[in-house]
């Protein structure tokens, strides 16, 4: 059973785990500067470059066709027993395969671009939906606040001394004082 008593790596251990990419340690200083300035996540530039390369391949196929092209040239110096001091090799380029490969790459990049555009659209739609949901929540909260305020105002207008829908009867000594008490009670209940 493992007890968890592993000792840490000693200082200066060349095999110790280090942060960073496996490939980045093999870059030159110029390549590091270029890598830092490269834009990631988009395929438009790569798609443009691949289409340009495809156009070049199509142009070379039209220009050269099945004509052999220089493939390799070897110069020999100091070789006494060799019959030829230089050797030149020609080769017919396989433009069909090159064009097919570049066309497949363009198709792949177009598909990737469509996926990225769809993802961006989905993200934007979700942001808009979230924004609208937040706005609706704010509107509903405001409607509730206004409803509560309306009910409070209605209650304040009707907030008279009513108990079980029975109004207390004021007492008076005479008919004149009875009318004064009734008017005062009515003014009080109507908020005048």
C-alpha atoms as a PDB file:
ATOM      1  CA  UNK A   1       0.000   0.000   0.000  1.00  0.00           C
ATOM      2  CA  UNK A   2       1.116   3.511  -0.703  1.00  0.00           C
ATOM      3  CA  UNK A   3       1.750   5.537   2.408  1.00  0.00           C
ATOM      4  CA  UNK A   4       2.146   8.916   0.727  1.00  0.00           C
ATOM      5  CA  UNK A   5       5.748   9.403   1.828  1.00  0.00           C
ATOM      6  CA  UNK A   6       7.121  10.364  -1.583  1.00  0.00           C
ATOM      7  CA  UNK A   7      10.166  12.552  -1.370  1.00  0.00           C
ATOM      8  CA  UNK A   8      10.202  15.680  -3.539  1.00  0.00           C
ATOM      9  CA  UNK A   9      12.577  15.941  -6.500  1.00  0.00           C
ATOM     10  CA  UNK A  10      16.058  17.150  -5.631  1.00  0.00           C
ATOM     11  CA  UNK A  11      17.182  20.614  -6.701  1.00  0.00           C
ATOM     12  CA  UNK A  12      18.758  20.616 -10.129  1.00  0.00           C
ATOM     13  CA  UNK A  13      16.758  17.584 -11.253  1.00  0.00           C
ATOM     14  CA  UNK A  14      16.660  17.832 -15.047  1.00  0.00           C
ATOM     15  CA  UNK A  15      13.665  15.490 -15.187  1.00  0.00           C
ATOM     16  CA  UNK A  16      11.534  17.463 -12.733  1.00  0.00           C
ATOM     17  CA  UNK A  17       8.182  18.617 -14.054  1.00  0.00           C
ATOM     18  CA  UNK A  18       8.236  22.202 -15.355  1.00  0.00           C
ATOM     19  CA  UNK A  19       5.385  24.438 -16.509  1.00  0.00           C
ATOM     20  CA  UNK A  20       5.061  25.306 -20.187  1.00  0.00           C
ATOM     21  CA  UNK A  21       4.536  23.558 -23.467  1.00  0.00           C
ATOM     22  CA  UNK A  22       6.572  20.584 -24.560  1.00  0.00           C
ATOM     23  CA  UNK A  23       7.275  22.305 -27.876  1.00  0.00           C
ATOM     24  CA  UNK A  24       8.029  25.807 -26.589  1.00  0.00           C
ATOM     25  CA  UNK A  25      11.437  24.854 -25.243  1.00  0.00           C
ATOM     26  CA  UNK A  26      12.610  24.109 -28.807  1.00  0.00           C
ATOM     27  CA  UNK A  27      11.638  27.501 -30.253  1.00  0.00           C
ATOM     28  CA  UNK A  28      14.259  30.076 -31.184  1.00  0.00           C
ATOM     29  CA  UNK A  29      13.994  33.594 -29.766  1.00  0.00           C
ATOM     30  CA  UNK A  30      12.606  34.867 -33.090  1.00  0.00           C
ATOM     31  CA  UNK A  31      10.024  32.082 -33.131  1.00  0.00           C
ATOM     32  CA  UNK A  32       9.011  32.884 -29.533  1.00  0.00           C
ATOM     33  CA  UNK A  33       8.370  36.512 -30.547  1.00  0.00           C
ATOM     34  CA  UNK A  34       6.340  35.373 -33.563  1.00  0.00           C
ATOM     35  CA  UNK A  35       4.399  32.832 -31.476  1.00  0.00           C
ATOM     36  CA  UNK A  36       3.511  35.514 -28.929  1.00  0.00           C
ATOM     37  CA  UNK A  37       2.045  37.739 -31.649  1.00  0.00           C
ATOM     38  CA  UNK A  38       0.072  35.044 -33.496  1.00  0.00           C
ATOM     39  CA  UNK A  39      -3.709  35.244 -33.372  1.00  0.00           C
ATOM     40  CA  UNK A  40      -5.328  32.025 -32.222  1.00  0.00           C
ATOM     41  CA  UNK A  41      -8.846  30.703 -32.521  1.00  0.00           C
ATOM     42  CA  UNK A  42      -9.605  31.997 -36.010  1.00  0.00           C
ATOM     43  CA  UNK A  43      -9.303  30.162 -39.291  1.00  0.00           C
ATOM     44  CA  UNK A  44      -9.798  33.017 -41.752  1.00  0.00           C
ATOM     45  CA  UNK A  45      -6.097  33.745 -42.315  1.00  0.00           C
ATOM     46  CA  UNK A  46      -5.241  30.067 -42.697  1.00  0.00           C
ATOM     47  CA  UNK A  47      -8.153  29.659 -45.105  1.00  0.00           C
ATOM     48  CA  UNK A  48      -6.928  32.600 -47.204  1.00  0.00           C
ATOM     49  CA  UNK A  49      -3.379  31.205 -47.265  1.00  0.00           C
ATOM     50  CA  UNK A  50      -4.586  27.733 -48.254  1.00  0.00           C
ATOM     51  CA  UNK A  51      -6.692  29.172 -51.072  1.00  0.00           C
ATOM     52  CA  UNK A  52      -3.677  31.131 -52.327  1.00  0.00           C
ATOM     53  CA  UNK A  53      -1.580  27.961 -52.244  1.00  0.00           C
ATOM     54  CA  UNK A  54      -4.355  26.143 -54.133  1.00  0.00           C
ATOM     55  CA  UNK A  55      -4.395  28.898 -56.777  1.00  0.00           C
ATOM     56  CA  UNK A  56      -0.610  28.592 -57.126  1.00  0.00           C
ATOM     57  CA  UNK A  57      -0.848  24.806 -57.518  1.00  0.00           C
ATOM     58  CA  UNK A  58      -3.581  25.175 -60.145  1.00  0.00           C
ATOM     59  CA  UNK A  59      -1.480  27.760 -62.007  1.00  0.00           C
ATOM     60  CA  UNK A  60       1.634  25.543 -61.919  1.00  0.00           C
ATOM     61  CA  UNK A  61      -0.411  22.577 -63.121  1.00  0.00           C
ATOM     62  CA  UNK A  62      -1.701  24.698 -66.013  1.00  0.00           C
ATOM     63  CA  UNK A  63       1.816  25.978 -66.806  1.00  0.00           C
ATOM     64  CA  UNK A  64       3.816  22.776 -66.350  1.00  0.00           C
ATOM     65  CA  UNK A  65       1.276  19.978 -66.776  1.00  0.00           C
ATOM     66  CA  UNK A  66       3.135  16.705 -67.363  1.00  0.00           C
ATOM     67  CA  UNK A  67       6.454  18.425 -68.110  1.00  0.00           C
ATOM     68  CA  UNK A  68       9.342  17.121 -66.000  1.00  0.00           C
ATOM     69  CA  UNK A  69      10.727  19.714 -63.561  1.00  0.00           C
ATOM     70  CA  UNK A  70      14.109  19.981 -61.905  1.00  0.00           C
ATOM     71  CA  UNK A  71      13.992  17.865 -58.752  1.00  0.00           C
ATOM     72  CA  UNK A  72      17.619  17.582 -57.620  1.00  0.00           C
ATOM     73  CA  UNK A  73      21.046  18.700 -58.770  1.00  0.00           C
ATOM     74  CA  UNK A  74      24.255  17.191 -57.352  1.00  0.00           C
ATOM     75  CA  UNK A  75      27.726  18.646 -57.994  1.00  0.00           C
ATOM     76  CA  UNK A  76      30.728  16.363 -57.352  1.00  0.00           C
ATOM     77  CA  UNK A  77      34.206  17.696 -56.855  1.00  0.00           C
ATOM     78  CA  UNK A  78      37.359  15.672 -56.649  1.00  0.00           C
ATOM     79  CA  UNK A  79      35.747  12.446 -57.739  1.00  0.00           C
ATOM     80  CA  UNK A  80      38.222  10.909 -60.212  1.00  0.00           C
ATOM     81  CA  UNK A  81      36.470   7.648 -60.986  1.00  0.00           C
ATOM     82  CA  UNK A  82      33.046   9.197 -61.481  1.00  0.00           C
ATOM     83  CA  UNK A  83      31.887   9.637 -65.025  1.00  0.00           C
ATOM     84  CA  UNK A  84      29.701  12.666 -64.355  1.00  0.00           C
ATOM     85  CA  UNK A  85      30.833  15.562 -62.195  1.00  0.00           C
ATOM     86  CA  UNK A  86      27.241  16.781 -61.919  1.00  0.00           C
ATOM     87  CA  UNK A  87      23.983  14.968 -61.866  1.00  0.00           C
ATOM     88  CA  UNK A  88      20.589  16.510 -62.531  1.00  0.00           C
ATOM     89  CA  UNK A  89      17.305  14.744 -61.774  1.00  0.00           C
ATOM     90  CA  UNK A  90      13.971  15.731 -63.250  1.00  0.00           C
ATOM     91  CA  UNK A  91      10.578  14.696 -62.018  1.00  0.00           C
ATOM     92  CA  UNK A  92       6.968  15.178 -63.089  1.00  0.00           C
ATOM     93  CA  UNK A  93       5.186  16.783 -60.127  1.00  0.00           C
ATOM     94  CA  UNK A  94       1.981  15.173 -58.930  1.00  0.00           C
ATOM     95  CA  UNK A  95      -0.179  18.297 -59.019  1.00  0.00           C
ATOM     96  CA  UNK A  96      -3.405  16.290 -58.860  1.00  0.00           C
ATOM     97  CA  UNK A  97      -2.548  14.944 -55.400  1.00  0.00           C
ATOM     98  CA  UNK A  98      -1.334  18.357 -54.244  1.00  0.00           C
ATOM     99  CA  UNK A  99      -4.526  20.043 -55.481  1.00  0.00           C
ATOM    100  CA  UNK A 100      -6.706  17.340 -53.905  1.00  0.00           C
ATOM    101  CA  UNK A 101      -4.903  17.750 -50.571  1.00  0.00           C
ATOM    102  CA  UNK A 102      -5.258  21.556 -50.655  1.00  0.00           C
ATOM    103  CA  UNK A 103      -8.927  21.291 -51.676  1.00  0.00           C
ATOM    104  CA  UNK A 104      -9.582  18.931 -48.759  1.00  0.00           C
ATOM    105  CA  UNK A 105      -7.831  21.397 -46.444  1.00  0.00           C
ATOM    106  CA  UNK A 106      -9.998  24.260 -47.736  1.00  0.00           C
ATOM    107  CA  UNK A 107     -13.117  22.148 -47.137  1.00  0.00           C
ATOM    108  CA  UNK A 108     -11.917  21.300 -43.627  1.00  0.00           C
ATOM    109  CA  UNK A 109     -11.205  24.955 -42.833  1.00  0.00           C
ATOM    110  CA  UNK A 110     -14.589  26.019 -44.247  1.00  0.00           C
ATOM    111  CA  UNK A 111     -16.313  23.452 -42.030  1.00  0.00           C
ATOM    112  CA  UNK A 112     -14.313  24.613 -38.996  1.00  0.00           C
ATOM    113  CA  UNK A 113     -15.156  28.233 -39.830  1.00  0.00           C
ATOM    114  CA  UNK A 114     -18.872  27.383 -40.045  1.00  0.00           C
ATOM    115  CA  UNK A 115     -18.705  25.654 -36.647  1.00  0.00           C
ATOM    116  CA  UNK A 116     -16.920  28.645 -35.094  1.00  0.00           C
ATOM    117  CA  UNK A 117     -19.452  31.077 -36.578  1.00  0.00           C
ATOM    118  CA  UNK A 118     -22.312  28.926 -35.265  1.00  0.00           C
ATOM    119  CA  UNK A 119     -20.701  28.841 -31.814  1.00  0.00           C
ATOM    120  CA  UNK A 120     -20.312  32.633 -31.853  1.00  0.00           C
ATOM    121  CA  UNK A 121     -23.954  33.008 -32.903  1.00  0.00           C
ATOM    122  CA  UNK A 122     -25.070  30.632 -30.139  1.00  0.00           C
ATOM    123  CA  UNK A 123     -23.019  32.543 -27.562  1.00  0.00           C
ATOM    124  CA  UNK A 124     -24.490  35.861 -28.717  1.00  0.00           C
ATOM    125  CA  UNK A 125     -28.038  34.444 -28.640  1.00  0.00           C
ATOM    126  CA  UNK A 126     -27.472  33.114 -25.119  1.00  0.00           C
ATOM    127  CA  UNK A 127     -26.098  36.487 -23.981  1.00  0.00           C
ATOM    128  CA  UNK A 128     -29.136  38.249 -25.461  1.00  0.00           C
ATOM    129  CA  UNK A 129     -31.498  35.726 -23.846  1.00  0.00           C
ATOM    130  CA  UNK A 130     -29.755  36.167 -20.490  1.00  0.00           C
ATOM    131  CA  UNK A 131     -29.936  39.954 -20.862  1.00  0.00           C
ATOM    132  CA  UNK A 132     -33.661  39.776 -21.710  1.00  0.00           C
ATOM    133  CA  UNK A 133     -34.323  37.414 -18.800  1.00  0.00           C
ATOM    134  CA  UNK A 134     -32.567  39.852 -16.478  1.00  0.00           C
ATOM    135  CA  UNK A 135     -34.592  42.752 -17.913  1.00  0.00           C
ATOM    136  CA  UNK A 136     -37.832  40.764 -17.475  1.00  0.00           C
ATOM    137  CA  UNK A 137     -36.852  39.956 -13.895  1.00  0.00           C
ATOM    138  CA  UNK A 138     -36.258  43.675 -13.242  1.00  0.00           C
ATOM    139  CA  UNK A 139     -39.614  44.565 -14.841  1.00  0.00           C
ATOM    140  CA  UNK A 140     -41.439  41.916 -12.787  1.00  0.00           C
ATOM    141  CA  UNK A 141     -39.775  43.198  -9.607  1.00  0.00           C
ATOM    142  CA  UNK A 142     -40.808  46.775 -10.492  1.00  0.00           C
ATOM    143  CA  UNK A 143     -44.407  45.635 -11.191  1.00  0.00           C
ATOM    144  CA  UNK A 144     -44.499  43.898  -7.803  1.00  0.00           C
ATOM    145  CA  UNK A 145     -43.159  47.035  -6.100  1.00  0.00           C
ATOM    146  CA  UNK A 146     -45.781  49.194  -7.823  1.00  0.00           C
ATOM    147  CA  UNK A 147     -48.524  46.713  -6.937  1.00  0.00           C
ATOM    148  CA  UNK A 148     -47.458  46.762  -3.285  1.00  0.00           C
ATOM    149  CA  UNK A 149     -47.399  50.580  -3.306  1.00  0.00           C
ATOM    150  CA  UNK A 150     -50.878  50.660  -4.903  1.00  0.00           C
ATOM    151  CA  UNK A 151     -52.231  48.294  -2.287  1.00  0.00           C
ATOM    152  CA  UNK A 152     -50.639  50.356   0.468  1.00  0.00           C
ATOM    153  CA  UNK A 153     -52.261  53.536  -0.901  1.00  0.00           C
ATOM    154  CA  UNK A 154     -55.639  51.804  -1.198  1.00  0.00           C
ATOM    155  CA  UNK A 155     -55.295  50.535   2.332  1.00  0.00           C
ATOM    156  CA  UNK A 156     -54.361  54.019   3.544  1.00  0.00           C
ATOM    157  CA  UNK A 157     -57.474  55.484   1.884  1.00  0.00           C
ATOM    158  CA  UNK A 158     -59.776  52.869   3.361  1.00  0.00           C
ATOM    159  CA  UNK A 159     -57.897  52.523   6.634  1.00  0.00           C
ATOM    160  CA  UNK A 160     -60.566  53.712   8.992  1.00  0.00           C
ATOM    161  CA  UNK A 161     -61.544  52.203  12.226  1.00  0.00           C
ATOM    162  CA  UNK A 162     -63.327  49.235  10.710  1.00  0.00           C
ATOM    163  CA  UNK A 163     -63.556  46.034  12.592  1.00  0.00           C
ATOM    164  CA  UNK A 164     -65.327  43.143  10.919  1.00  0.00           C
ATOM    165  CA  UNK A 165     -67.000  45.627   8.537  1.00  0.00           C
ATOM    166  CA  UNK A 166     -68.704  47.291  11.502  1.00  0.00           C
ATOM    167  CA  UNK A 167     -68.075  50.964  12.053  1.00  0.00           C
ATOM    168  CA  UNK A 168     -68.020  52.148  15.640  1.00  0.00           C
ATOM    169  CA  UNK A 169     -70.943  54.376  16.392  1.00  0.00           C
ATOM    170  CA  UNK A 170     -69.997  57.741  17.831  1.00  0.00           C
ATOM    171  CA  UNK A 171     -72.017  58.955  20.736  1.00  0.00           C
ATOM    172  CA  UNK A 172     -73.633  62.382  21.003  1.00  0.00           C
ATOM    173  CA  UNK A 173     -75.803  64.220  23.481  1.00  0.00           C
ATOM    174  CA  UNK A 174     -78.047  65.961  20.959  1.00  0.00           C
ATOM    175  CA  UNK A 175     -78.999  65.911  17.290  1.00  0.00           C
ATOM    176  CA  UNK A 176     -76.672  68.855  16.512  1.00  0.00           C
ATOM    177  CA  UNK A 177     -73.693  67.256  18.184  1.00  0.00           C
ATOM    178  CA  UNK A 178     -74.618  63.973  16.446  1.00  0.00           C
ATOM    179  CA  UNK A 179     -74.294  65.625  13.022  1.00  0.00           C
ATOM    180  CA  UNK A 180     -70.928  67.153  13.989  1.00  0.00           C
ATOM    181  CA  UNK A 181     -69.602  63.801  15.215  1.00  0.00           C
ATOM    182  CA  UNK A 182     -70.864  62.052  12.043  1.00  0.00           C
ATOM    183  CA  UNK A 183     -69.233  64.696   9.782  1.00  0.00           C
ATOM    184  CA  UNK A 184     -65.940  64.424  11.661  1.00  0.00           C
ATOM    185  CA  UNK A 185     -66.030  60.634  11.396  1.00  0.00           C
ATOM    186  CA  UNK A 186     -66.801  60.818   7.674  1.00  0.00           C
ATOM    187  CA  UNK A 187     -63.965  63.310   7.079  1.00  0.00           C
ATOM    188  CA  UNK A 188     -61.592  61.064   8.986  1.00  0.00           C
ATOM    189  CA  UNK A 189     -62.545  57.960   7.007  1.00  0.00           C
ATOM    190  CA  UNK A 190     -62.253  59.789   3.665  1.00  0.00           C
ATOM    191  CA  UNK A 191     -58.917  61.321   4.629  1.00  0.00           C
ATOM    192  CA  UNK A 192     -59.993  64.953   4.510  1.00  0.00           C
END
